[in-house]
Amino acid sequence: MHAAALLPPELHDQVIDHLWNEPKSLAACAQTCRSWVGTSRLHLFRTVRIQNARQCTSFAALLASTPVIARCVRRLTISADYNGVDAAGSPIEDDAWVNEAGAFVRLLVNATTLGLSRLRWHALRPDTQKTFMEYFVRVRTLFLFEVRFAASRDVLDFLGAFPALNELYFHGVAWDAESPPLLDAPAAETAVPTERKARECMQLSYLFLDPRSSPTLVTEWLLRHPSEQHLRTIQLCWREVENMKLVGDLLHASGAALERLLVEFPSGVPESGVASVVSGVLDSKLMFDMSCSCAEQLDSIPVCRGVVSF
């Protein structure tokens, strides 16, 4: 009898669990013993990063041949690389292939972390947009990096599609046009269905906003339902001096739940102005750091790296 057969399956699983971040070892385990395949797959495909059309096609083919792999994916990053620069020196987007991801996104029912990087949301087909906004209802952590929308309202509609959202990282998000302000009607009446759904159960506890994303938009969106804010950590690079009052409003809305605050204001803002923003919020439980730079804050953000790249 083989020595491995003398050990209980639970012990095999524990050993494989210790290899969670070693894809080559996990692949070797999956090829060594049939009973090890399940546990190896859980770790091997837990985090998937897709960066181009070839990888997208390969992953789609893999799911078509082995559908059970889709349920192993917990963290998905779709990152479209730039395809050089144009005559004006602007980057050329290469994100048309993201439309093909819509075919398998609906299969990733257990995904709880989603990262989107360097893509134009408004350039995606309507059916692709709909798929992303309907099949990620379990996502609790959302990374947006250099994602461009057509209008500011599109950003809010997109955020409203994640009712279980717990952590939001907003870096370099932009939009081409400002949407007209909503009428002075109750929030429940003006909200689109997805936003109403998000308001019902969203429990955001971590928020990162950088200056390139015009943090005012997201802050105002959160303040539309302040009673539901439970932010424990806030990281802000705030550059919009005329809207500094919103920072204070957000801190007050977070209330006693707030534990850690990292914020950088523009140079030249007097201490009295900063004091007025945080007045009544700081207490002995709150870690407050106003000296760190945006670069330092970005270094602290966990990157959604793929264990498996195709």
Protein backbone atom coordinates (compact mmCIF):
# COMPACT_ATOMS: atom_id res chain seq x y z
CA MET A 1 0.00 0.00 0.00
CA HIS A 2 1.26 3.46 -0.88
CA ALA A 3 2.40 5.45 2.15
CA ALA A 4 0.07 8.34 1.25
CA ALA A 5 -2.93 6.02 1.48
CA LEU A 6 -2.19 5.46 5.17
CA LEU A 7 -2.76 9.14 5.98
CA PRO A 8 -6.26 10.53 6.46
CA PRO A 9 -7.52 12.81 3.62
CA GLU A 10 -7.87 15.72 6.06
CA LEU A 11 -4.12 15.68 6.64
CA HIS A 12 -3.47 15.76 2.89
CA ASP A 13 -5.75 18.81 2.62
CA GLN A 14 -3.93 20.60 5.44
CA VAL A 15 -0.58 20.04 3.77
CA ILE A 16 -1.88 21.37 0.44
CA ASP A 17 -3.42 24.36 2.24
CA HIS A 18 0.09 25.46 3.22
CA LEU A 19 0.94 25.71 -0.49
CA TRP A 20 -1.81 28.25 -1.16
CA ASN A 21 0.58 30.81 -2.75
CA GLU A 22 2.81 28.38 -4.66
CA PRO A 23 1.08 27.70 -8.00
CA LYS A 24 3.77 25.37 -9.35
CA SER A 25 3.52 23.15 -6.26
CA LEU A 26 -0.28 23.21 -6.40
CA ALA A 27 -0.22 22.18 -10.06
CA ALA A 28 2.15 19.33 -9.21
CA CYS A 29 -0.19 18.15 -6.44
CA ALA A 30 -3.17 18.19 -8.80
CA GLN A 31 -1.27 16.01 -11.26
CA THR A 32 0.05 13.61 -8.62
CA CYS A 33 -3.10 12.27 -6.99
CA ARG A 34 -6.73 12.39 -8.06
CA SER A 35 -7.93 12.95 -4.50
CA TRP A 36 -5.72 16.05 -4.27
CA VAL A 37 -7.24 17.77 -7.29
CA GLY A 38 -10.15 19.43 -5.48
CA THR A 39 -8.11 21.09 -2.74
CA SER A 40 -5.36 22.08 -5.18
CA ARG A 41 -7.89 23.74 -7.47
CA LEU A 42 -9.43 25.72 -4.64
CA HIS A 43 -6.11 27.48 -4.08
CA LEU A 44 -4.80 27.45 -7.65
CA PHE A 45 -7.82 29.29 -9.05
CA ARG A 46 -8.77 31.30 -5.99
CA THR A 47 -7.20 34.42 -7.53
CA VAL A 48 -7.23 34.92 -11.30
CA ARG A 49 -5.74 37.84 -13.22
CA ILE A 50 -6.53 38.38 -16.92
CA GLN A 51 -4.55 41.00 -18.82
CA ASN A 52 -5.11 40.48 -22.55
CA ALA A 53 -7.21 38.78 -25.21
CA ARG A 54 -5.12 35.62 -25.26
CA GLN A 55 -5.47 35.09 -21.52
CA CYS A 56 -9.20 35.81 -21.71
CA THR A 57 -9.69 33.21 -24.45
CA SER A 58 -7.60 30.64 -22.57
CA PHE A 59 -9.55 31.07 -19.34
CA ALA A 60 -12.88 30.89 -21.15
CA ALA A 61 -11.78 27.63 -22.81
CA LEU A 62 -10.65 26.23 -19.47
CA LEU A 63 -14.02 26.96 -17.87
CA ALA A 64 -15.80 25.42 -20.86
CA SER A 65 -13.83 22.19 -20.44
CA THR A 66 -13.88 22.15 -16.62
CA PRO A 67 -16.87 24.20 -15.37
CA VAL A 68 -16.24 23.32 -11.71
CA ILE A 69 -13.20 25.64 -11.72
CA ALA A 70 -15.52 28.66 -11.91
CA ARG A 71 -16.72 28.05 -8.35
CA CYS A 72 -13.12 28.19 -7.08
CA VAL A 73 -12.58 31.80 -8.15
CA ARG A 74 -12.82 34.26 -5.28
CA ARG A 75 -10.70 37.15 -6.62
CA LEU A 76 -10.84 38.30 -10.24
CA THR A 77 -8.74 41.06 -11.77
CA ILE A 78 -9.31 42.23 -15.34
CA SER A 79 -6.49 44.55 -16.32
CA ALA A 80 -6.27 45.87 -19.88
CA ASP A 81 -2.74 46.88 -20.81
CA TYR A 82 -2.11 49.92 -22.95
CA ASN A 83 -1.09 49.27 -26.55
CA GLY A 84 1.52 52.00 -26.94
CA VAL A 85 0.77 55.73 -27.36
CA ASP A 86 -0.74 57.82 -30.11
CA ALA A 87 0.79 60.82 -31.91
CA ALA A 88 -0.25 63.11 -29.06
CA GLY A 89 1.47 60.90 -26.50
CA SER A 90 -1.77 59.58 -25.01
CA PRO A 91 -2.01 55.86 -24.19
CA ILE A 92 -3.89 53.66 -26.65
CA GLU A 93 -6.40 51.46 -24.88
CA ASP A 94 -6.55 47.76 -25.68
CA ASP A 95 -9.74 46.77 -23.89
CA ALA A 96 -12.11 45.50 -26.61
CA TRP A 97 -11.37 41.92 -25.54
CA VAL A 98 -12.99 42.57 -22.14
CA ASN A 99 -16.34 42.07 -23.87
CA GLU A 100 -15.44 38.40 -24.25
CA ALA A 101 -15.13 38.09 -20.47
CA GLY A 102 -18.86 38.61 -20.21
CA ALA A 103 -19.35 35.04 -21.39
CA PHE A 104 -17.81 33.54 -18.26
CA VAL A 105 -18.28 36.27 -15.66
CA ARG A 106 -21.77 34.96 -14.90
CA LEU A 107 -20.21 31.62 -13.92
CA LEU A 108 -18.04 33.14 -11.15
CA VAL A 109 -20.79 33.03 -8.55
CA ASN A 110 -18.39 32.87 -5.59
CA ALA A 111 -16.22 35.85 -6.50
CA THR A 112 -15.98 38.32 -3.61
CA THR A 113 -13.17 40.57 -4.89
CA LEU A 114 -13.18 42.33 -8.25
CA GLY A 115 -10.43 44.47 -9.73
CA LEU A 116 -10.85 46.48 -12.94
CA SER A 117 -7.86 48.28 -14.38
CA ARG A 118 -7.19 50.50 -17.40
CA LEU A 119 -10.44 50.00 -19.25
CA ARG A 120 -13.13 52.25 -20.69
CA TRP A 121 -16.44 51.28 -19.17
CA HIS A 122 -18.40 53.28 -21.74
CA ALA A 123 -16.65 51.42 -24.60
CA LEU A 124 -17.92 48.02 -23.46
CA ARG A 125 -20.97 46.54 -25.11
CA PRO A 126 -24.27 47.08 -23.24
CA ASP A 127 -24.64 43.33 -22.68
CA THR A 128 -21.15 43.19 -21.13
CA GLN A 129 -21.95 46.09 -18.81
CA LYS A 130 -25.20 44.42 -17.80
CA THR A 131 -23.42 41.15 -17.01
CA PHE A 132 -20.85 42.84 -14.79
CA MET A 133 -23.56 44.75 -12.94
CA GLU A 134 -25.82 41.73 -12.40
CA TYR A 135 -23.52 38.83 -11.59
CA PHE A 136 -21.18 40.28 -8.95
CA VAL A 137 -23.72 40.78 -6.18
CA ARG A 138 -21.44 38.94 -3.72
CA VAL A 139 -18.44 41.20 -4.31
CA ARG A 140 -17.26 42.75 -1.04
CA THR A 141 -14.00 44.33 -2.23
CA LEU A 142 -13.83 46.49 -5.36
CA PHE A 143 -10.63 47.88 -6.93
CA LEU A 144 -11.01 50.49 -9.68
CA PHE A 145 -7.75 51.67 -11.24
CA GLU A 146 -7.73 54.08 -14.20
CA VAL A 147 -11.25 53.13 -15.27
CA ARG A 148 -13.01 55.71 -17.45
CA PHE A 149 -16.77 56.29 -17.63
CA ALA A 150 -18.84 58.43 -20.00
CA ALA A 151 -20.54 60.45 -17.25
CA SER A 152 -20.44 60.84 -13.49
CA ARG A 153 -23.88 59.26 -13.14
CA ASP A 154 -22.52 56.11 -14.79
CA VAL A 155 -19.99 55.83 -11.96
CA LEU A 156 -22.74 55.92 -9.35
CA ASP A 157 -24.87 53.42 -11.25
CA PHE A 158 -21.89 51.09 -11.40
CA LEU A 159 -21.16 51.38 -7.67
CA GLY A 160 -24.81 50.76 -6.92
CA ALA A 161 -24.53 47.32 -8.52
CA PHE A 162 -22.52 45.99 -5.56
CA PRO A 163 -24.95 45.70 -2.63
CA ALA A 164 -22.52 43.69 -0.47
CA LEU A 165 -19.62 46.12 -0.92
CA ASN A 166 -17.36 46.37 2.13
CA GLU A 167 -14.11 47.83 0.76
CA LEU A 168 -13.75 50.37 -2.06
CA TYR A 169 -10.45 51.40 -3.67
CA PHE A 170 -10.88 54.30 -6.10
CA HIS A 171 -7.70 55.26 -7.96
CA GLY A 172 -7.48 57.26 -11.17
CA VAL A 173 -11.17 56.82 -11.97
CA ALA A 174 -12.41 59.44 -14.44
CA TRP A 175 -15.44 60.40 -16.50
CA ASP A 176 -15.86 62.51 -19.62
CA ALA A 177 -18.85 64.59 -18.54
CA GLU A 178 -20.63 65.72 -15.40
CA SER A 179 -24.20 64.48 -15.20
CA PRO A 180 -26.92 67.03 -14.36
CA PRO A 181 -27.70 67.12 -10.64
CA LEU A 182 -30.60 65.07 -9.40
CA LEU A 183 -33.79 66.88 -8.48
CA ASP A 184 -34.32 67.77 -4.85
CA ALA A 185 -36.45 64.72 -4.31
CA PRO A 186 -36.03 62.13 -1.57
CA ALA A 187 -33.09 59.83 -2.21
CA ALA A 188 -35.36 56.78 -2.35
CA GLU A 189 -37.27 58.34 -5.26
CA THR A 190 -34.28 59.46 -7.33
CA ALA A 191 -32.17 56.33 -6.91
CA VAL A 192 -32.01 53.84 -9.75
CA PRO A 193 -32.99 50.24 -8.80
CA THR A 194 -29.40 49.08 -8.38
CA GLU A 195 -28.60 52.02 -6.11
CA ARG A 196 -31.68 51.35 -3.98
CA LYS A 197 -30.59 47.72 -3.71
CA ALA A 198 -27.09 48.77 -2.63
CA ARG A 199 -28.48 51.16 -0.05
CA GLU A 200 -30.46 48.37 1.57
CA CYS A 201 -27.48 46.26 2.60
CA MET A 202 -24.16 47.96 1.79
CA GLN A 203 -21.88 48.04 4.83
CA LEU A 204 -18.80 49.91 3.60
CA SER A 205 -16.00 49.78 6.17
CA TYR A 206 -12.90 50.70 4.11
CA LEU A 207 -12.63 53.62 1.69
CA PHE A 208 -9.67 54.82 -0.39
CA LEU A 209 -10.06 57.85 -2.66
CA ASP A 210 -7.22 59.46 -4.58
CA PRO A 211 -7.22 63.02 -5.99
CA ARG A 212 -7.35 61.94 -9.63
CA SER A 213 -10.80 60.44 -9.03
CA SER A 214 -12.52 63.64 -7.86
CA PRO A 215 -13.37 62.21 -4.43
CA THR A 216 -16.28 64.64 -4.07
CA LEU A 217 -18.50 62.44 -6.26
CA VAL A 218 -18.15 59.29 -4.15
CA THR A 219 -18.28 61.21 -0.88
CA GLU A 220 -21.55 62.90 -1.84
CA TRP A 221 -22.92 59.52 -2.92
CA LEU A 222 -22.10 58.00 0.45
CA LEU A 223 -23.56 60.96 2.32
CA ARG A 224 -26.89 60.49 0.56
CA HIS A 225 -27.50 57.70 3.08
CA PRO A 226 -25.26 58.60 6.07
CA SER A 227 -27.13 56.46 8.59
CA GLU A 228 -25.77 53.35 6.89
CA GLN A 229 -22.09 54.31 6.98
CA HIS A 230 -19.87 52.13 9.17
CA LEU A 231 -16.49 53.20 7.84
CA ARG A 232 -13.66 52.00 10.07
CA THR A 233 -10.78 53.12 7.82
CA ILE A 234 -10.70 56.16 5.54
CA GLN A 235 -7.75 57.06 3.29
CA LEU A 236 -8.10 60.29 1.34
CA CYS A 237 -5.89 62.42 -0.90
CA TRP A 238 -8.15 65.46 -0.95
CA ARG A 239 -7.39 68.26 -3.41
CA GLU A 240 -10.76 69.97 -3.76
CA VAL A 241 -10.33 72.77 -1.24
CA GLU A 242 -13.74 74.27 -1.98
CA ASN A 243 -15.40 71.01 -0.86
CA MET A 244 -13.38 70.30 2.29
CA LYS A 245 -16.56 70.43 4.35
CA LEU A 246 -17.54 67.11 2.78
CA VAL A 247 -14.58 65.45 4.51
CA GLY A 248 -15.91 66.54 7.89
CA ASP A 249 -19.42 65.42 6.96
CA LEU A 250 -18.09 61.98 6.01
CA LEU A 251 -16.17 61.66 9.27
CA HIS A 252 -19.21 62.62 11.30
CA ALA A 253 -21.39 60.19 9.35
CA SER A 254 -18.93 57.39 10.19
CA GLY A 255 -19.21 58.31 13.85
CA ALA A 256 -17.90 55.94 16.50
CA ALA A 257 -17.15 53.23 13.95
CA LEU A 258 -14.16 55.17 12.56
CA GLU A 259 -10.86 53.74 13.81
CA ARG A 260 -8.21 54.88 11.32
CA LEU A 261 -7.95 58.05 9.26
CA LEU A 262 -5.20 58.86 6.76
CA VAL A 263 -5.72 62.10 4.87
CA GLU A 264 -3.59 64.45 2.80
CA PHE A 265 -4.80 67.98 2.17
CA PRO A 266 -3.27 70.37 -0.38
CA SER A 267 -0.24 72.35 0.69
CA GLY A 268 -1.18 75.78 1.93
CA VAL A 269 -4.32 74.72 3.77
CA PRO A 270 -4.05 76.34 7.23
CA GLU A 271 -4.09 74.17 10.32
CA SER A 272 -7.24 75.94 11.43
CA GLY A 273 -8.98 74.70 8.27
CA VAL A 274 -7.91 71.13 8.94
CA ALA A 275 -8.95 71.43 12.58
CA SER A 276 -12.42 72.57 11.56
CA VAL A 277 -12.79 69.49 9.33
CA VAL A 278 -11.84 66.94 11.98
CA SER A 279 -13.30 68.83 14.93
CA GLY A 280 -15.34 66.60 17.18
CA VAL A 281 -14.25 63.44 15.37
CA LEU A 282 -10.80 62.62 16.72
CA ASP A 283 -10.72 60.66 19.95
CA SER A 284 -8.40 58.28 21.75
CA LYS A 285 -9.45 55.32 19.61
CA LEU A 286 -8.79 56.98 16.26
CA MET A 287 -5.43 56.74 14.50
CA PHE A 288 -4.98 60.01 12.59
CA ASP A 289 -2.13 60.64 10.17
CA MET A 290 -2.10 63.78 8.03
CA SER A 291 1.58 63.67 7.12
CA CYS A 292 1.63 60.73 4.70
CA SER A 293 1.67 61.33 0.99
CA CYS A 294 -0.60 59.75 -1.59
CA ALA A 295 2.28 57.59 -2.77
CA GLU A 296 2.76 56.22 0.72
CA GLN A 297 -0.94 55.47 0.98
CA LEU A 298 -0.93 53.64 -2.35
CA ASP A 299 1.94 51.47 -1.15
CA SER A 300 -0.28 50.24 1.67
CA ILE A 301 -3.08 49.07 -0.61
CA PRO A 302 -3.17 45.30 -1.19
CA VAL A 303 -2.79 44.51 -4.88
CA CYS A 304 -5.19 41.98 -6.32
CA ARG A 305 -2.52 39.84 -7.95
CA GLY A 306 -3.40 36.65 -9.75
CA VAL A 307 -2.15 33.29 -8.56
CA VAL A 308 -3.02 32.06 -12.03
CA SER A 309 -2.38 34.05 -15.21
CA PHE A 310 -3.37 32.70 -18.59
